[in-house]
Protein backbone atom coordinates (compact mmCIF):
# COMPACT_ATOMS: atom_id res chain seq x y z
CA MET A 1 -20.95 -19.50 -20.32
CA ASN A 2 -19.21 -18.26 -17.19
CA THR A 3 -21.08 -16.32 -14.53
CA CYS A 4 -20.06 -14.59 -11.33
CA ALA A 5 -19.81 -17.19 -8.56
CA ILE A 6 -21.37 -14.69 -6.15
CA CYS A 7 -24.05 -12.68 -7.94
CA GLY A 8 -24.53 -14.54 -11.23
CA LYS A 9 -23.62 -11.64 -13.53
CA SER A 10 -22.21 -12.81 -16.87
CA SER A 11 -20.15 -9.83 -18.08
CA GLY A 12 -16.96 -8.12 -16.91
CA LEU A 13 -15.67 -11.23 -15.15
CA PHE A 14 -12.31 -11.82 -13.52
CA GLU A 15 -10.72 -15.16 -12.68
CA LEU A 16 -10.37 -15.82 -8.97
CA ARG A 17 -7.97 -18.63 -8.08
CA ILE A 18 -8.58 -20.16 -4.68
CA GLU A 19 -5.95 -22.44 -3.17
CA GLU A 20 -6.83 -24.61 -0.21
CA ASP A 21 -4.78 -27.52 1.10
CA GLY A 22 -2.74 -27.61 -2.11
CA ASP A 23 -5.82 -27.79 -4.36
CA GLU A 24 -6.51 -24.88 -6.69
CA THR A 25 -10.03 -23.93 -7.77
CA LEU A 26 -10.90 -21.38 -10.44
CA ARG A 27 -14.01 -19.22 -10.04
CA HIS A 28 -15.23 -16.20 -11.95
CA VAL A 29 -16.37 -13.01 -10.23
CA CYS A 30 -17.59 -9.68 -11.57
CA GLY A 31 -15.82 -6.41 -10.84
CA LYS A 32 -18.22 -5.37 -8.08
CA CYS A 33 -17.89 -8.69 -6.25
CA TRP A 34 -14.10 -8.60 -6.82
CA ASP A 35 -13.97 -5.19 -5.12
CA THR A 36 -16.04 -6.55 -2.22
CA ILE A 37 -13.72 -9.54 -1.78
CA ALA A 38 -10.66 -7.27 -1.94
CA GLY A 39 -12.17 -4.93 0.65
CA ILE A 40 -12.89 -7.80 3.04
CA ALA A 41 -9.37 -9.21 2.59
CA LEU A 42 -7.78 -5.81 3.14
CA ARG A 43 -9.82 -5.29 6.31
CA ALA A 44 -8.87 -8.73 7.64
CA VAL A 45 -5.16 -8.13 7.01
CA SER A 46 -5.34 -4.65 8.52
CA ASP A 47 -7.10 -5.97 11.64
CA ARG A 48 -4.51 -8.74 12.02
CA LEU A 49 -1.60 -6.32 11.66
CA ASP A 50 -3.17 -3.97 14.21
CA ALA A 51 -3.56 -6.86 16.65
CA LEU A 52 0.07 -7.91 16.17
CA GLU A 53 1.29 -4.33 16.62
CA ASN A 54 -0.75 -4.00 19.83
CA ARG A 55 0.60 -7.29 21.13
CA LEU A 56 4.16 -6.24 20.31
CA ALA A 57 3.64 -2.96 22.18
CA GLU A 58 2.38 -4.91 25.21
CA LEU A 59 5.44 -7.15 25.08
CA GLU A 60 7.78 -4.16 24.85
CA ASP A 61 6.10 -2.68 27.95
CA HIS A 62 6.89 -5.87 29.88
CA GLU A 63 10.56 -5.90 28.88
CA VAL A 64 10.42 -9.23 27.08
CA SER A 65 13.55 -10.13 25.15
CA PRO A 66 13.35 -9.84 21.34
CA TYR A 67 13.65 -13.63 21.09
CA GLU A 68 10.76 -14.19 23.52
CA ALA A 69 8.68 -11.60 21.67
CA ALA A 70 9.35 -13.33 18.35
CA MET A 71 8.34 -16.70 19.80
CA ILE A 72 5.11 -15.29 21.26
CA ILE A 73 4.21 -13.63 17.96
CA GLU A 74 5.04 -16.81 16.04
CA ARG A 75 2.73 -18.81 18.31
CA ALA A 76 -0.01 -16.20 17.84
CA ASN A 77 0.34 -16.48 14.06
CA GLU A 78 -0.10 -20.24 14.22
CA ARG A 79 -3.62 -19.84 15.65
């Protein structure tokens, strides 16, 4: 019987596919834990976009060429 990988609940489960280094793992999570994971992911993406927008604004203030700005942002994304 499948249970939530986070809280152990056994009903109302969703499949969560996790891919890391080309390997895919399947876990089951309940709706509440799914919502928590989605909220954390949304917050992380939102924070990253805000940081990139702030960095782009800084670059525009320093009159960096679009090419230089793209290279700086690309390097930041690699971190």
